[in-house]
């Protein structure tokens, strides 16, 4: 992904910002009413979220809570998590993965924002199936939904 180019990844607008450190830094926008990725666990990655504008609803290790503008969420390895935007306004947030490497997920599944219907293409069933089939390649374990 080139510097500051945006792509749509699973319904989220993602802009990667290159770093010299051992972490990936991404600015994301989740549209109003949008669901995030399926609940998943990273075994190696530490992940942090900081809401810049709006709010996100998080699900972290069985607990659901709201993260508002100026607040952050820290997700250590081995933690089941996801998020969604249940409001009527988009949410802008910063996402950090450490160590560096998760940006490959965004590069692999991202649809350039300049493509027609990029948002819809980013959540097509074929993309979702590819994410589910290759999640472990990106240090993502996606457990089956509870019965």
N, C-alpha and C. Protein backbone atom coordinates (compact mmCIF):
# COMPACT_ATOMS: atom_id res chain seq x y z
N UNK A 1 0.85 -1.17 0.00
CA UNK A 1 0.00 0.00 0.00
C UNK A 1 0.90 1.23 0.00
N UNK A 2 0.66 2.13 -0.91
CA UNK A 2 1.48 3.33 -0.98
C UNK A 2 1.14 4.27 0.17
N UNK A 3 2.06 5.16 0.44
CA UNK A 3 1.89 6.13 1.51
C UNK A 3 0.59 6.90 1.35
N UNK A 4 -0.22 6.85 2.39
CA UNK A 4 -1.44 7.64 2.47
C UNK A 4 -2.45 7.37 1.35
N UNK A 5 -2.43 6.19 0.76
CA UNK A 5 -3.49 5.83 -0.18
C UNK A 5 -4.53 5.05 0.61
N UNK A 6 -5.76 5.29 0.29
CA UNK A 6 -6.84 4.66 1.04
C UNK A 6 -7.44 3.51 0.26
N UNK A 7 -7.82 2.47 1.02
CA UNK A 7 -8.50 1.31 0.46
C UNK A 7 -9.66 0.98 1.37
N UNK A 8 -10.64 0.28 0.81
CA UNK A 8 -11.75 -0.23 1.60
C UNK A 8 -11.46 -1.68 1.92
N UNK A 9 -11.49 -2.01 3.20
CA UNK A 9 -11.19 -3.35 3.68
C UNK A 9 -12.33 -3.78 4.59
N UNK A 10 -13.08 -4.79 4.16
CA UNK A 10 -14.22 -5.30 4.94
C UNK A 10 -15.14 -4.17 5.42
N UNK A 11 -15.42 -3.24 4.53
CA UNK A 11 -16.35 -2.15 4.84
C UNK A 11 -15.76 -0.99 5.61
N UNK A 12 -14.43 -1.00 5.83
CA UNK A 12 -13.75 0.09 6.55
C UNK A 12 -12.82 0.80 5.57
N UNK A 13 -12.80 2.12 5.61
CA UNK A 13 -11.83 2.87 4.81
C UNK A 13 -10.53 2.91 5.60
N UNK A 14 -9.45 2.40 5.00
CA UNK A 14 -8.17 2.22 5.68
C UNK A 14 -7.09 3.02 4.96
N UNK A 15 -6.35 3.83 5.70
CA UNK A 15 -5.23 4.58 5.15
C UNK A 15 -3.99 4.24 5.96
N UNK A 16 -3.04 3.56 5.32
CA UNK A 16 -1.82 3.13 5.99
C UNK A 16 -0.81 4.27 6.02
N UNK A 17 -0.19 4.46 7.19
CA UNK A 17 0.86 5.47 7.35
C UNK A 17 2.16 4.73 7.67
N UNK A 18 3.14 4.76 6.77
CA UNK A 18 4.40 4.06 7.00
C UNK A 18 5.08 4.55 8.28
N UNK A 19 5.75 3.63 8.97
CA UNK A 19 6.46 3.97 10.20
C UNK A 19 7.88 3.41 10.13
N UNK A 20 8.76 3.97 10.94
CA UNK A 20 10.11 3.42 11.06
C UNK A 20 10.21 2.48 12.26
N UNK A 21 9.16 2.45 13.08
CA UNK A 21 9.15 1.60 14.26
C UNK A 21 8.63 0.21 13.94
N UNK A 22 8.57 -0.64 14.97
CA UNK A 22 8.11 -2.01 14.80
C UNK A 22 6.60 -2.11 15.03
N UNK A 23 5.86 -1.30 14.31
CA UNK A 23 4.40 -1.28 14.41
C UNK A 23 3.82 -0.75 13.11
N UNK A 24 2.57 -1.12 12.84
CA UNK A 24 1.81 -0.58 11.72
C UNK A 24 0.86 0.47 12.26
N UNK A 25 0.73 1.59 11.57
CA UNK A 25 -0.15 2.69 11.96
C UNK A 25 -1.13 2.94 10.83
N UNK A 26 -2.42 2.87 11.16
CA UNK A 26 -3.47 3.00 10.16
C UNK A 26 -4.53 3.96 10.69
N UNK A 27 -5.03 4.83 9.82
CA UNK A 27 -6.18 5.66 10.14
C UNK A 27 -7.36 5.06 9.38
N UNK A 28 -8.45 4.82 10.10
CA UNK A 28 -9.61 4.14 9.52
C UNK A 28 -10.87 4.98 9.68
N UNK A 29 -11.79 4.73 8.79
CA UNK A 29 -13.13 5.31 8.92
C UNK A 29 -14.14 4.17 8.79
N UNK A 30 -15.01 4.07 9.79
CA UNK A 30 -16.08 3.10 9.77
C UNK A 30 -17.38 3.86 9.50
N UNK A 31 -18.04 3.57 8.38
CA UNK A 31 -19.28 4.28 8.06
C UNK A 31 -20.36 4.04 9.11
N UNK A 32 -21.32 4.93 9.14
CA UNK A 32 -22.48 4.79 10.04
C UNK A 32 -23.12 3.43 9.81
N UNK A 33 -23.42 2.74 10.91
CA UNK A 33 -24.12 1.46 10.84
C UNK A 33 -23.29 0.28 10.37
N UNK A 34 -21.97 0.46 10.18
CA UNK A 34 -21.15 -0.61 9.63
C UNK A 34 -20.62 -1.56 10.70
N UNK A 35 -20.57 -2.83 10.34
CA UNK A 35 -19.99 -3.87 11.18
C UNK A 35 -18.50 -3.94 10.88
N UNK A 36 -17.71 -4.27 11.87
CA UNK A 36 -16.28 -4.48 11.69
C UNK A 36 -15.99 -5.91 11.27
N UNK A 37 -14.77 -6.37 11.47
CA UNK A 37 -14.41 -7.73 11.08
C UNK A 37 -15.08 -8.75 11.99
N UNK A 38 -15.06 -10.02 11.60
CA UNK A 38 -15.61 -11.03 12.50
C UNK A 38 -14.78 -11.07 13.79
N UNK A 39 -15.38 -11.46 14.91
CA UNK A 39 -14.60 -11.58 16.14
C UNK A 39 -13.40 -12.48 15.89
N UNK A 40 -12.23 -12.01 16.32
CA UNK A 40 -11.00 -12.74 16.03
C UNK A 40 -9.97 -12.54 17.15
N UNK A 41 -8.94 -13.37 17.09
CA UNK A 41 -7.86 -13.34 18.07
C UNK A 41 -6.53 -13.29 17.32
N UNK A 42 -5.64 -12.42 17.77
CA UNK A 42 -4.26 -12.42 17.29
C UNK A 42 -3.40 -13.10 18.35
N UNK A 43 -2.58 -14.04 17.95
CA UNK A 43 -1.73 -14.69 18.95
C UNK A 43 -0.43 -13.91 19.18
N UNK A 44 0.01 -13.15 18.19
CA UNK A 44 1.26 -12.40 18.30
C UNK A 44 1.05 -10.89 18.38
N UNK A 45 0.10 -10.38 17.64
CA UNK A 45 -0.07 -8.92 17.56
C UNK A 45 -0.70 -8.33 18.80
N UNK A 46 -0.13 -7.22 19.25
CA UNK A 46 -0.77 -6.32 20.20
C UNK A 46 -1.50 -5.30 19.34
N UNK A 47 -2.68 -4.89 19.76
CA UNK A 47 -3.46 -3.96 18.93
C UNK A 47 -4.05 -2.87 19.81
N UNK A 48 -4.04 -1.65 19.27
CA UNK A 48 -4.63 -0.52 19.98
C UNK A 48 -5.51 0.26 19.02
N UNK A 49 -6.59 0.80 19.57
CA UNK A 49 -7.54 1.63 18.83
C UNK A 49 -7.68 2.95 19.57
N UNK A 50 -7.74 4.06 18.85
CA UNK A 50 -8.04 5.36 19.45
C UNK A 50 -9.05 6.07 18.57
N UNK A 51 -10.19 6.39 19.14
CA UNK A 51 -11.26 7.05 18.38
C UNK A 51 -10.95 8.55 18.29
N UNK A 52 -10.93 9.04 17.07
CA UNK A 52 -10.65 10.45 16.79
C UNK A 52 -11.95 11.24 16.67
N UNK A 53 -12.94 10.63 16.04
CA UNK A 53 -14.24 11.29 15.84
C UNK A 53 -15.32 10.22 15.85
N UNK A 54 -16.41 10.48 16.55
CA UNK A 54 -17.52 9.54 16.61
C UNK A 54 -17.33 8.55 17.74
N UNK A 55 -17.89 7.35 17.55
CA UNK A 55 -17.74 6.29 18.55
C UNK A 55 -17.87 4.93 17.91
N UNK A 56 -17.26 3.94 18.54
CA UNK A 56 -17.35 2.55 18.12
C UNK A 56 -17.84 1.72 19.29
N UNK A 57 -18.60 0.68 18.96
CA UNK A 57 -18.96 -0.30 19.97
C UNK A 57 -17.97 -1.46 19.84
N UNK A 58 -17.31 -1.79 20.95
CA UNK A 58 -16.34 -2.88 20.96
C UNK A 58 -16.90 -4.09 21.67
N UNK A 59 -16.46 -5.24 21.21
CA UNK A 59 -16.67 -6.51 21.89
C UNK A 59 -15.27 -7.05 22.15
N UNK A 60 -14.89 -7.15 23.44
CA UNK A 60 -13.55 -7.59 23.81
C UNK A 60 -13.69 -8.62 24.93
N UNK A 61 -13.26 -9.85 24.65
CA UNK A 61 -13.31 -10.94 25.63
C UNK A 61 -14.67 -11.06 26.33
N UNK A 62 -15.73 -11.03 25.54
CA UNK A 62 -17.07 -11.26 26.07
C UNK A 62 -17.78 -10.03 26.60
N UNK A 63 -17.10 -8.88 26.63
CA UNK A 63 -17.72 -7.65 27.13
C UNK A 63 -17.93 -6.67 25.99
N UNK A 64 -19.08 -6.00 26.01
CA UNK A 64 -19.41 -5.00 25.01
C UNK A 64 -19.40 -3.63 25.68
N UNK A 65 -18.78 -2.65 25.02
CA UNK A 65 -18.71 -1.29 25.56
C UNK A 65 -18.51 -0.29 24.43
N UNK A 66 -18.77 0.97 24.73
CA UNK A 66 -18.64 2.05 23.76
C UNK A 66 -17.31 2.77 24.00
N UNK A 67 -16.61 3.06 22.91
CA UNK A 67 -15.39 3.85 22.94
C UNK A 67 -15.68 5.14 22.17
N UNK A 68 -15.60 6.28 22.87
CA UNK A 68 -15.95 7.57 22.29
C UNK A 68 -14.71 8.37 21.91
N UNK A 69 -14.96 9.47 21.22
CA UNK A 69 -13.89 10.37 20.78
C UNK A 69 -12.90 10.64 21.92
N UNK A 70 -11.61 10.44 21.64
CA UNK A 70 -10.56 10.70 22.61
C UNK A 70 -10.25 9.51 23.51
N UNK A 71 -11.04 8.44 23.41
CA UNK A 71 -10.81 7.25 24.23
C UNK A 71 -10.08 6.19 23.40
N UNK A 72 -9.46 5.25 24.10
CA UNK A 72 -8.72 4.20 23.41
C UNK A 72 -9.02 2.84 24.01
N UNK A 73 -8.68 1.81 23.25
CA UNK A 73 -8.84 0.41 23.66
C UNK A 73 -7.54 -0.31 23.35
N UNK A 74 -7.01 -1.02 24.33
CA UNK A 74 -5.81 -1.81 24.16
C UNK A 74 -6.20 -3.28 24.13
N UNK A 75 -5.74 -4.01 23.10
CA UNK A 75 -6.10 -5.41 22.94
C UNK A 75 -4.82 -6.24 22.93
N UNK A 76 -4.52 -6.93 24.02
CA UNK A 76 -3.32 -7.77 24.05
C UNK A 76 -3.50 -9.03 23.22
N UNK A 77 -2.39 -9.69 22.87
CA UNK A 77 -2.49 -10.96 22.15
C UNK A 77 -3.37 -11.95 22.93
N UNK A 78 -4.07 -12.80 22.17
CA UNK A 78 -4.91 -13.82 22.79
C UNK A 78 -6.28 -13.34 23.21
N UNK A 79 -6.67 -12.15 22.76
CA UNK A 79 -7.93 -11.53 23.17
C UNK A 79 -8.94 -11.54 22.02
N UNK A 80 -10.09 -12.15 22.22
CA UNK A 80 -11.16 -12.14 21.23
C UNK A 80 -11.75 -10.73 21.15
N UNK A 81 -11.83 -10.17 19.93
CA UNK A 81 -12.31 -8.80 19.80
C UNK A 81 -12.89 -8.53 18.41
N UNK A 82 -13.74 -7.51 18.38
CA UNK A 82 -14.25 -6.91 17.15
C UNK A 82 -14.86 -5.57 17.51
N UNK A 83 -15.42 -4.88 16.53
CA UNK A 83 -16.04 -3.58 16.75
C UNK A 83 -17.11 -3.35 15.69
N UNK A 84 -17.94 -2.35 15.93
CA UNK A 84 -18.93 -1.92 14.94
C UNK A 84 -19.29 -0.48 15.23
N UNK A 85 -19.89 0.16 14.25
CA UNK A 85 -20.37 1.53 14.42
C UNK A 85 -21.89 1.47 14.36
N UNK A 86 -22.54 1.58 15.50
CA UNK A 86 -24.00 1.48 15.55
C UNK A 86 -24.67 2.85 15.55
N UNK A 87 -23.90 3.89 15.25
CA UNK A 87 -24.45 5.25 15.24
C UNK A 87 -24.85 5.66 13.82
N UNK A 88 -25.41 6.87 13.71
CA UNK A 88 -25.82 7.42 12.42
C UNK A 88 -24.72 8.26 11.78
N UNK A 89 -23.52 8.27 12.38
CA UNK A 89 -22.41 9.08 11.87
C UNK A 89 -21.17 8.20 11.68
N UNK A 90 -20.32 8.55 10.71
CA UNK A 90 -19.09 7.79 10.55
C UNK A 90 -18.17 7.97 11.76
N UNK A 91 -17.28 7.04 11.95
CA UNK A 91 -16.31 7.10 13.04
C UNK A 91 -14.90 7.03 12.44
N UNK A 92 -14.04 7.94 12.86
CA UNK A 92 -12.64 7.94 12.44
C UNK A 92 -11.80 7.51 13.62
N UNK A 93 -10.85 6.61 13.38
CA UNK A 93 -10.05 6.06 14.46
C UNK A 93 -8.67 5.67 13.98
N UNK A 94 -7.75 5.59 14.91
CA UNK A 94 -6.38 5.17 14.64
C UNK A 94 -6.23 3.74 15.13
N UNK A 95 -5.53 2.92 14.35
CA UNK A 95 -5.30 1.52 14.70
C UNK A 95 -3.80 1.25 14.61
N UNK A 96 -3.27 0.59 15.65
CA UNK A 96 -1.86 0.23 15.69
C UNK A 96 -1.75 -1.27 15.95
N UNK A 97 -0.92 -1.94 15.16
CA UNK A 97 -0.57 -3.34 15.38
C UNK A 97 0.93 -3.41 15.63
N UNK A 98 1.32 -4.15 16.64
CA UNK A 98 2.74 -4.34 16.93
C UNK A 98 2.95 -5.81 17.26
N UNK A 99 3.96 -6.44 16.67
CA UNK A 99 4.98 -5.89 15.78
C UNK A 99 4.43 -5.60 14.38
N UNK A 100 5.23 -4.94 13.58
CA UNK A 100 4.87 -4.59 12.21
C UNK A 100 4.57 -5.85 11.42
N UNK A 101 3.61 -5.77 10.51
CA UNK A 101 3.32 -6.88 9.62
C UNK A 101 1.85 -7.04 9.26
N UNK A 102 0.94 -6.55 10.12
CA UNK A 102 -0.48 -6.75 9.83
C UNK A 102 -0.94 -5.92 8.62
N UNK A 103 -0.16 -4.94 8.24
CA UNK A 103 -0.54 -4.13 7.06
C UNK A 103 -0.71 -5.01 5.82
N UNK A 104 -0.08 -6.18 5.81
CA UNK A 104 -0.24 -7.09 4.66
C UNK A 104 -1.70 -7.52 4.50
N UNK A 105 -2.43 -7.62 5.61
CA UNK A 105 -3.85 -7.96 5.54
C UNK A 105 -4.60 -6.87 4.76
N UNK A 106 -4.33 -5.60 5.11
CA UNK A 106 -4.99 -4.48 4.44
C UNK A 106 -4.61 -4.43 2.96
N UNK A 107 -3.35 -4.70 2.66
CA UNK A 107 -2.90 -4.69 1.27
C UNK A 107 -3.55 -5.82 0.48
N UNK A 108 -3.66 -6.99 1.09
CA UNK A 108 -4.21 -8.17 0.40
C UNK A 108 -5.70 -8.00 0.09
N UNK A 109 -6.46 -7.50 1.04
CA UNK A 109 -7.92 -7.46 0.88
C UNK A 109 -8.47 -6.09 0.52
N UNK A 110 -7.62 -5.08 0.46
CA UNK A 110 -8.09 -3.72 0.18
C UNK A 110 -8.51 -3.50 -1.25
N UNK A 111 -9.61 -2.77 -1.40
CA UNK A 111 -10.11 -2.34 -2.71
C UNK A 111 -9.83 -0.84 -2.80
N UNK A 112 -9.06 -0.38 -3.81
CA UNK A 112 -8.74 1.05 -3.90
C UNK A 112 -10.01 1.90 -3.84
N UNK A 113 -9.95 2.97 -3.04
CA UNK A 113 -11.13 3.81 -2.86
C UNK A 113 -11.60 4.44 -4.16
N UNK A 114 -10.73 4.51 -5.17
CA UNK A 114 -11.09 5.12 -6.45
C UNK A 114 -11.92 4.19 -7.34
N UNK A 115 -11.98 2.88 -7.00
CA UNK A 115 -12.79 1.95 -7.79
C UNK A 115 -14.28 2.21 -7.57
N UNK A 116 -15.05 2.03 -8.62
CA UNK A 116 -16.50 2.13 -8.48
C UNK A 116 -16.98 1.09 -7.48
N UNK A 117 -17.90 1.49 -6.62
CA UNK A 117 -18.51 0.60 -5.62
C UNK A 117 -17.47 -0.10 -4.73
N UNK A 118 -16.39 0.61 -4.37
CA UNK A 118 -15.30 0.02 -3.59
C UNK A 118 -15.80 -0.51 -2.25
N UNK A 119 -16.69 0.22 -1.58
CA UNK A 119 -17.18 -0.23 -0.28
C UNK A 119 -17.90 -1.56 -0.43
N UNK A 120 -18.80 -1.66 -1.39
CA UNK A 120 -19.55 -2.90 -1.59
C UNK A 120 -18.64 -4.05 -2.03
N UNK A 121 -17.66 -3.76 -2.88
CA UNK A 121 -16.72 -4.80 -3.32
C UNK A 121 -15.94 -5.35 -2.13
N UNK A 122 -15.66 -4.51 -1.15
CA UNK A 122 -14.83 -4.93 -0.01
C UNK A 122 -15.54 -5.92 0.92
N UNK A 123 -16.86 -6.06 0.77
CA UNK A 123 -17.61 -6.99 1.61
C UNK A 123 -18.35 -8.05 0.79
N UNK A 124 -17.94 -8.23 -0.46
CA UNK A 124 -18.57 -9.26 -1.29
C UNK A 124 -18.30 -10.64 -0.68
N UNK A 125 -19.22 -11.58 -0.86
CA UNK A 125 -19.06 -12.92 -0.28
C UNK A 125 -17.73 -13.59 -0.63
N UNK A 126 -17.22 -13.36 -1.84
CA UNK A 126 -15.94 -13.98 -2.23
C UNK A 126 -14.80 -13.46 -1.35
N UNK A 127 -14.83 -12.17 -1.05
CA UNK A 127 -13.79 -11.57 -0.18
C UNK A 127 -13.91 -12.15 1.23
N UNK A 128 -15.13 -12.20 1.74
CA UNK A 128 -15.35 -12.72 3.10
C UNK A 128 -14.84 -14.16 3.18
N UNK A 129 -15.16 -14.97 2.19
CA UNK A 129 -14.71 -16.36 2.20
C UNK A 129 -13.18 -16.46 2.14
N UNK A 130 -12.55 -15.59 1.36
CA UNK A 130 -11.09 -15.58 1.27
C UNK A 130 -10.48 -15.17 2.61
N UNK A 131 -11.07 -14.18 3.27
CA UNK A 131 -10.59 -13.78 4.60
C UNK A 131 -10.69 -14.95 5.56
N UNK A 132 -11.83 -15.62 5.59
CA UNK A 132 -12.02 -16.76 6.50
C UNK A 132 -11.04 -17.88 6.19
N UNK A 133 -10.78 -18.13 4.91
CA UNK A 133 -9.90 -19.23 4.51
C UNK A 133 -8.43 -18.95 4.79
N UNK A 134 -8.05 -17.67 4.79
CA UNK A 134 -6.62 -17.34 4.92
C UNK A 134 -6.31 -16.56 6.19
N UNK A 135 -7.25 -16.43 7.09
CA UNK A 135 -7.06 -15.62 8.30
C UNK A 135 -5.79 -16.00 9.05
N UNK A 136 -5.51 -17.29 9.16
CA UNK A 136 -4.33 -17.71 9.93
C UNK A 136 -3.03 -17.21 9.31
N UNK A 137 -3.03 -16.91 8.00
CA UNK A 137 -1.84 -16.35 7.36
C UNK A 137 -1.52 -14.96 7.89
N UNK A 138 -2.49 -14.33 8.54
CA UNK A 138 -2.35 -12.96 9.04
C UNK A 138 -2.46 -12.91 10.57
N UNK A 139 -2.15 -14.03 11.23
CA UNK A 139 -2.23 -14.12 12.69
C UNK A 139 -3.62 -13.77 13.20
N UNK A 140 -4.63 -14.29 12.51
CA UNK A 140 -6.01 -14.11 12.93
C UNK A 140 -6.65 -15.48 13.10
N UNK A 141 -7.16 -15.75 14.28
CA UNK A 141 -7.97 -16.94 14.50
C UNK A 141 -9.40 -16.47 14.63
N UNK A 142 -10.27 -17.01 13.80
CA UNK A 142 -11.68 -16.62 13.81
C UNK A 142 -12.48 -17.82 14.30
N UNK A 143 -12.85 -17.81 15.59
CA UNK A 143 -13.61 -18.95 16.12
C UNK A 143 -15.01 -18.99 15.54
N UNK A 144 -15.62 -20.17 15.50
CA UNK A 144 -17.00 -20.24 15.02
C UNK A 144 -17.92 -19.46 15.97
N UNK A 145 -19.02 -18.93 15.44
CA UNK A 145 -19.95 -18.19 16.31
C UNK A 145 -20.51 -19.11 17.38
N UNK A 146 -20.85 -18.54 18.55
CA UNK A 146 -21.45 -19.35 19.62
C UNK A 146 -22.78 -19.94 19.17
N UNK A 147 -23.09 -21.11 19.66
CA UNK A 147 -24.34 -21.78 19.29
C UNK A 147 -25.49 -21.27 20.11
